[in-house]
Amino acid sequence: MGFGFHPVLATKLVHLYSACDCLHNAHQLFDRIPQRNLFLWNVLIRAYAWNGPYEVAIELYYRLLEIGLVPDNFTFPFALKACSALSAIEEGRRIHEDVIRNKWETDVFVGAALIDMYAKCSCVVNARQVFDKILERD
């Protein structure tokens, strides 16, 4: 591609491919971008969390951690959505530990994703515990 991997343009293209359900192209472009920021990672994780294969969203989440990026209040809900779709409670619990470690447990969006994941995995008590910790409820 001749656009020289301008970060904003590359991110927009990955998002465009994802929105057009061309995840293969989005992922290929993502892999060719030398400098990947958290926003770009979130774009691709979100695409897989919404469209599948959900396992790829979780794999990307762990790759993000491996390279030393710190997830934010967008990353966690996307990864947790993939766990919900797979009923992957153990993965969800590990991500919940990361949420706590990174101090996002009171965030309304992260909390909603945790509640959804626990509820869909039939862990209603855990869902209620998360709900009780959210400071600002919508």
C-alpha atoms as a PDB file:
ATOM      1  CA  MET A   1       0.000   0.000   0.000  1.00  0.00           C
ATOM      2  CA  GLY A   2       1.369   3.354  -0.965  1.00  0.00           C
ATOM      3  CA  PHE A   3       0.131   5.476   1.921  1.00  0.00           C
ATOM      4  CA  GLY A   4       3.330   4.962   3.957  1.00  0.00           C
ATOM      5  CA  PHE A   5       1.453   3.752   7.036  1.00  0.00           C
ATOM      6  CA  HIS A   6       0.344   7.148   8.182  1.00  0.00           C
ATOM      7  CA  PRO A   7      -1.031   6.191  11.623  1.00  0.00           C
ATOM      8  CA  VAL A   8      -4.398   7.940  11.335  1.00  0.00           C
ATOM      9  CA  LEU A   9      -5.039   6.770   7.780  1.00  0.00           C
ATOM     10  CA  ALA A  10      -3.962   3.207   8.569  1.00  0.00           C
ATOM     11  CA  THR A  11      -6.262   3.111  11.593  1.00  0.00           C
ATOM     12  CA  LYS A  12      -9.169   4.442   9.545  1.00  0.00           C
ATOM     13  CA  LEU A  13      -8.548   1.799   6.893  1.00  0.00           C
ATOM     14  CA  VAL A  14      -8.466  -0.993   9.479  1.00  0.00           C
ATOM     15  CA  HIS A  15     -11.736   0.368  10.870  1.00  0.00           C
ATOM     16  CA  LEU A  16     -13.253   0.620   7.385  1.00  0.00           C
ATOM     17  CA  TYR A  17     -12.307  -2.958   6.519  1.00  0.00           C
ATOM     18  CA  SER A  18     -13.760  -4.085   9.842  1.00  0.00           C
ATOM     19  CA  ALA A  19     -16.998  -2.174   9.313  1.00  0.00           C
ATOM     20  CA  CYS A  20     -17.361  -3.723   5.857  1.00  0.00           C
ATOM     21  CA  ASP A  21     -16.974  -7.204   7.353  1.00  0.00           C
ATOM     22  CA  CYS A  22     -13.580  -7.658   5.697  1.00  0.00           C
ATOM     23  CA  LEU A  23     -11.774  -8.799   8.829  1.00  0.00           C
ATOM     24  CA  HIS A  24      -9.152 -10.704   6.888  1.00  0.00           C
ATOM     25  CA  ASN A  25      -8.113  -7.499   5.101  1.00  0.00           C
ATOM     26  CA  ALA A  26      -8.295  -5.505   8.332  1.00  0.00           C
ATOM     27  CA  HIS A  27      -6.058  -7.991  10.104  1.00  0.00           C
ATOM     28  CA  GLN A  28      -3.581  -8.152   7.205  1.00  0.00           C
ATOM     29  CA  LEU A  29      -3.255  -4.374   7.204  1.00  0.00           C
ATOM     30  CA  PHE A  30      -2.959  -4.308  10.990  1.00  0.00           C
ATOM     31  CA  ASP A  31      -0.087  -6.813  10.828  1.00  0.00           C
ATOM     32  CA  ARG A  32       1.772  -4.595   8.346  1.00  0.00           C
ATOM     33  CA  ILE A  33       1.594  -1.448  10.484  1.00  0.00           C
ATOM     34  CA  PRO A  34       4.909  -1.039  12.317  1.00  0.00           C
ATOM     35  CA  GLN A  35       3.778   1.335  15.089  1.00  0.00           C
ATOM     36  CA  ARG A  36       0.503   0.116  16.615  1.00  0.00           C
ATOM     37  CA  ASN A  37      -1.049   2.262  19.315  1.00  0.00           C
ATOM     38  CA  LEU A  38      -3.769   1.182  21.737  1.00  0.00           C
ATOM     39  CA  PHE A  39      -6.513   2.766  19.642  1.00  0.00           C
ATOM     40  CA  LEU A  40      -5.536   0.633  16.638  1.00  0.00           C
ATOM     41  CA  TRP A  41      -5.477  -2.521  18.777  1.00  0.00           C
ATOM     42  CA  ASN A  42      -8.919  -1.621  20.108  1.00  0.00           C
ATOM     43  CA  VAL A  43     -10.285  -1.221  16.577  1.00  0.00           C
ATOM     44  CA  LEU A  44      -9.257  -4.753  15.632  1.00  0.00           C
ATOM     45  CA  ILE A  45     -10.214  -6.360  18.955  1.00  0.00           C
ATOM     46  CA  ARG A  46     -13.636  -4.718  18.694  1.00  0.00           C
ATOM     47  CA  ALA A  47     -14.127  -6.044  15.173  1.00  0.00           C
ATOM     48  CA  TYR A  48     -13.493  -9.630  16.259  1.00  0.00           C
ATOM     49  CA  ALA A  49     -15.492  -9.215  19.479  1.00  0.00           C
ATOM     50  CA  TRP A  50     -18.531  -8.162  17.444  1.00  0.00           C
ATOM     51  CA  ASN A  51     -18.133 -10.400  14.405  1.00  0.00           C
ATOM     52  CA  GLY A  52     -16.019 -13.357  15.466  1.00  0.00           C
ATOM     53  CA  PRO A  53     -14.136 -15.486  15.515  1.00  0.00           C
ATOM     54  CA  TYR A  54     -14.277 -14.426  19.147  1.00  0.00           C
ATOM     55  CA  GLU A  55     -11.157 -16.389  20.053  1.00  0.00           C
ATOM     56  CA  VAL A  56      -9.143 -13.982  17.903  1.00  0.00           C
ATOM     57  CA  ALA A  57     -10.363 -11.017  19.965  1.00  0.00           C
ATOM     58  CA  ILE A  58      -9.086 -12.725  23.104  1.00  0.00           C
ATOM     59  CA  GLU A  59      -5.791 -13.683  21.428  1.00  0.00           C
ATOM     60  CA  LEU A  60      -5.294 -10.057  20.359  1.00  0.00           C
ATOM     61  CA  TYR A  61      -6.018  -8.909  23.905  1.00  0.00           C
ATOM     62  CA  TYR A  62      -3.218 -11.128  25.223  1.00  0.00           C
ATOM     63  CA  ARG A  63      -0.841 -10.042  22.431  1.00  0.00           C
ATOM     64  CA  LEU A  64      -1.506  -6.434  23.413  1.00  0.00           C
ATOM     65  CA  LEU A  65      -0.468  -7.269  26.975  1.00  0.00           C
ATOM     66  CA  GLU A  66       2.635  -9.144  25.795  1.00  0.00           C
ATOM     67  CA  ILE A  67       3.995  -6.091  24.004  1.00  0.00           C
ATOM     68  CA  GLY A  68       3.502  -3.953  27.099  1.00  0.00           C
ATOM     69  CA  LEU A  69       0.429  -1.928  26.213  1.00  0.00           C
ATOM     70  CA  VAL A  70      -2.015  -1.228  29.028  1.00  0.00           C
ATOM     71  CA  PRO A  71      -5.689  -1.928  28.264  1.00  0.00           C
ATOM     72  CA  ASP A  72      -8.184   0.860  28.796  1.00  0.00           C
ATOM     73  CA  ASN A  73     -11.918   1.207  29.356  1.00  0.00           C
ATOM     74  CA  PHE A  74     -12.502   0.393  25.677  1.00  0.00           C
ATOM     75  CA  THR A  75     -10.224  -2.642  25.483  1.00  0.00           C
ATOM     76  CA  PHE A  76     -11.774  -4.434  28.443  1.00  0.00           C
ATOM     77  CA  PRO A  77     -15.402  -4.350  27.245  1.00  0.00           C
ATOM     78  CA  PHE A  78     -14.375  -5.650  23.809  1.00  0.00           C
ATOM     79  CA  ALA A  79     -12.382  -8.549  25.277  1.00  0.00           C
ATOM     80  CA  LEU A  80     -15.160  -9.321  27.751  1.00  0.00           C
ATOM     81  CA  LYS A  81     -17.753  -9.312  24.966  1.00  0.00           C
ATOM     82  CA  ALA A  82     -15.741 -12.028  23.233  1.00  0.00           C
ATOM     83  CA  CYS A  83     -15.676 -14.010  26.487  1.00  0.00           C
ATOM     84  CA  SER A  84     -19.457 -13.601  26.767  1.00  0.00           C
ATOM     85  CA  ALA A  85     -19.995 -14.853  23.230  1.00  0.00           C
ATOM     86  CA  LEU A  86     -17.888 -17.943  23.972  1.00  0.00           C
ATOM     87  CA  SER A  87     -19.203 -18.457  27.522  1.00  0.00           C
ATOM     88  CA  ALA A  88     -15.500 -18.430  28.417  1.00  0.00           C
ATOM     89  CA  ILE A  89     -15.839 -17.767  32.128  1.00  0.00           C
ATOM     90  CA  GLU A  90     -12.213 -18.565  33.023  1.00  0.00           C
ATOM     91  CA  GLU A  91     -10.892 -16.145  30.387  1.00  0.00           C
ATOM     92  CA  GLY A  92     -13.401 -13.594  31.636  1.00  0.00           C
ATOM     93  CA  ARG A  93     -12.200 -14.016  35.211  1.00  0.00           C
ATOM     94  CA  ARG A  94      -8.574 -13.522  34.113  1.00  0.00           C
ATOM     95  CA  ILE A  95      -9.549 -10.349  32.284  1.00  0.00           C
ATOM     96  CA  HIS A  96     -11.510  -9.243  35.361  1.00  0.00           C
ATOM     97  CA  GLU A  97      -8.266  -9.593  37.353  1.00  0.00           C
ATOM     98  CA  ASP A  98      -6.600  -7.301  34.802  1.00  0.00           C
ATOM     99  CA  VAL A  99      -9.487  -4.843  35.190  1.00  0.00           C
ATOM    100  CA  ILE A 100      -8.885  -4.723  38.940  1.00  0.00           C
ATOM    101  CA  ARG A 101      -5.098  -4.507  38.535  1.00  0.00           C
ATOM    102  CA  ASN A 102      -5.515  -1.543  36.168  1.00  0.00           C
ATOM    103  CA  LYS A 103      -8.128   0.130  38.400  1.00  0.00           C
ATOM    104  CA  TRP A 104     -11.055   0.121  35.946  1.00  0.00           C
ATOM    105  CA  GLU A 105     -13.490  -1.865  38.124  1.00  0.00           C
ATOM    106  CA  THR A 106     -15.649   1.172  38.931  1.00  0.00           C
ATOM    107  CA  ASP A 107     -15.952   2.321  35.302  1.00  0.00           C
ATOM    108  CA  VAL A 108     -19.550   2.062  34.090  1.00  0.00           C
ATOM    109  CA  PHE A 109     -18.657   0.658  30.648  1.00  0.00           C
ATOM    110  CA  VAL A 110     -16.204  -1.903  31.971  1.00  0.00           C
ATOM    111  CA  GLY A 111     -18.654  -2.791  34.738  1.00  0.00           C
ATOM    112  CA  ALA A 112     -21.485  -3.291  32.255  1.00  0.00           C
ATOM    113  CA  ALA A 113     -19.295  -5.638  30.196  1.00  0.00           C
ATOM    114  CA  LEU A 114     -18.331  -7.600  33.307  1.00  0.00           C
ATOM    115  CA  ILE A 115     -21.973  -7.867  34.384  1.00  0.00           C
ATOM    116  CA  ASP A 116     -22.957  -9.058  30.913  1.00  0.00           C
ATOM    117  CA  MET A 117     -20.161 -11.622  30.822  1.00  0.00           C
ATOM    118  CA  TYR A 118     -20.950 -13.019  34.261  1.00  0.00           C
ATOM    119  CA  ALA A 119     -24.701 -13.083  33.598  1.00  0.00           C
ATOM    120  CA  LYS A 120     -24.279 -14.873  30.254  1.00  0.00           C
ATOM    121  CA  CYS A 121     -22.011 -17.396  31.957  1.00  0.00           C
ATOM    122  CA  SER A 122     -24.688 -17.986  34.654  1.00  0.00           C
ATOM    123  CA  CYS A 123     -22.634 -16.343  37.423  1.00  0.00           C
ATOM    124  CA  VAL A 124     -25.332 -14.012  38.721  1.00  0.00           C
ATOM    125  CA  VAL A 125     -23.715 -13.541  42.149  1.00  0.00           C
ATOM    126  CA  ASN A 126     -20.522 -12.276  40.478  1.00  0.00           C
ATOM    127  CA  ALA A 127     -22.580 -10.002  38.221  1.00  0.00           C
ATOM    128  CA  ARG A 128     -24.274  -8.502  41.287  1.00  0.00           C
ATOM    129  CA  GLN A 129     -20.930  -7.994  43.045  1.00  0.00           C
ATOM    130  CA  VAL A 130     -19.631  -6.062  40.037  1.00  0.00           C
ATOM    131  CA  PHE A 131     -22.827  -4.011  39.890  1.00  0.00           C
ATOM    132  CA  ASP A 132     -22.477  -3.049  43.551  1.00  0.00           C
ATOM    133  CA  LYS A 133     -18.938  -1.709  42.937  1.00  0.00           C
ATOM    134  CA  ILE A 134     -19.847   0.575  40.041  1.00  0.00           C
ATOM    135  CA  LEU A 135     -19.843   4.129  41.335  1.00  0.00           C
ATOM    136  CA  GLU A 136     -21.819   5.829  38.591  1.00  0.00           C
ATOM    137  CA  ARG A 137     -24.723   3.794  37.246  1.00  0.00           C
ATOM    138  CA  ASP A 138     -26.614   4.585  34.075  1.00  0.00           C
END
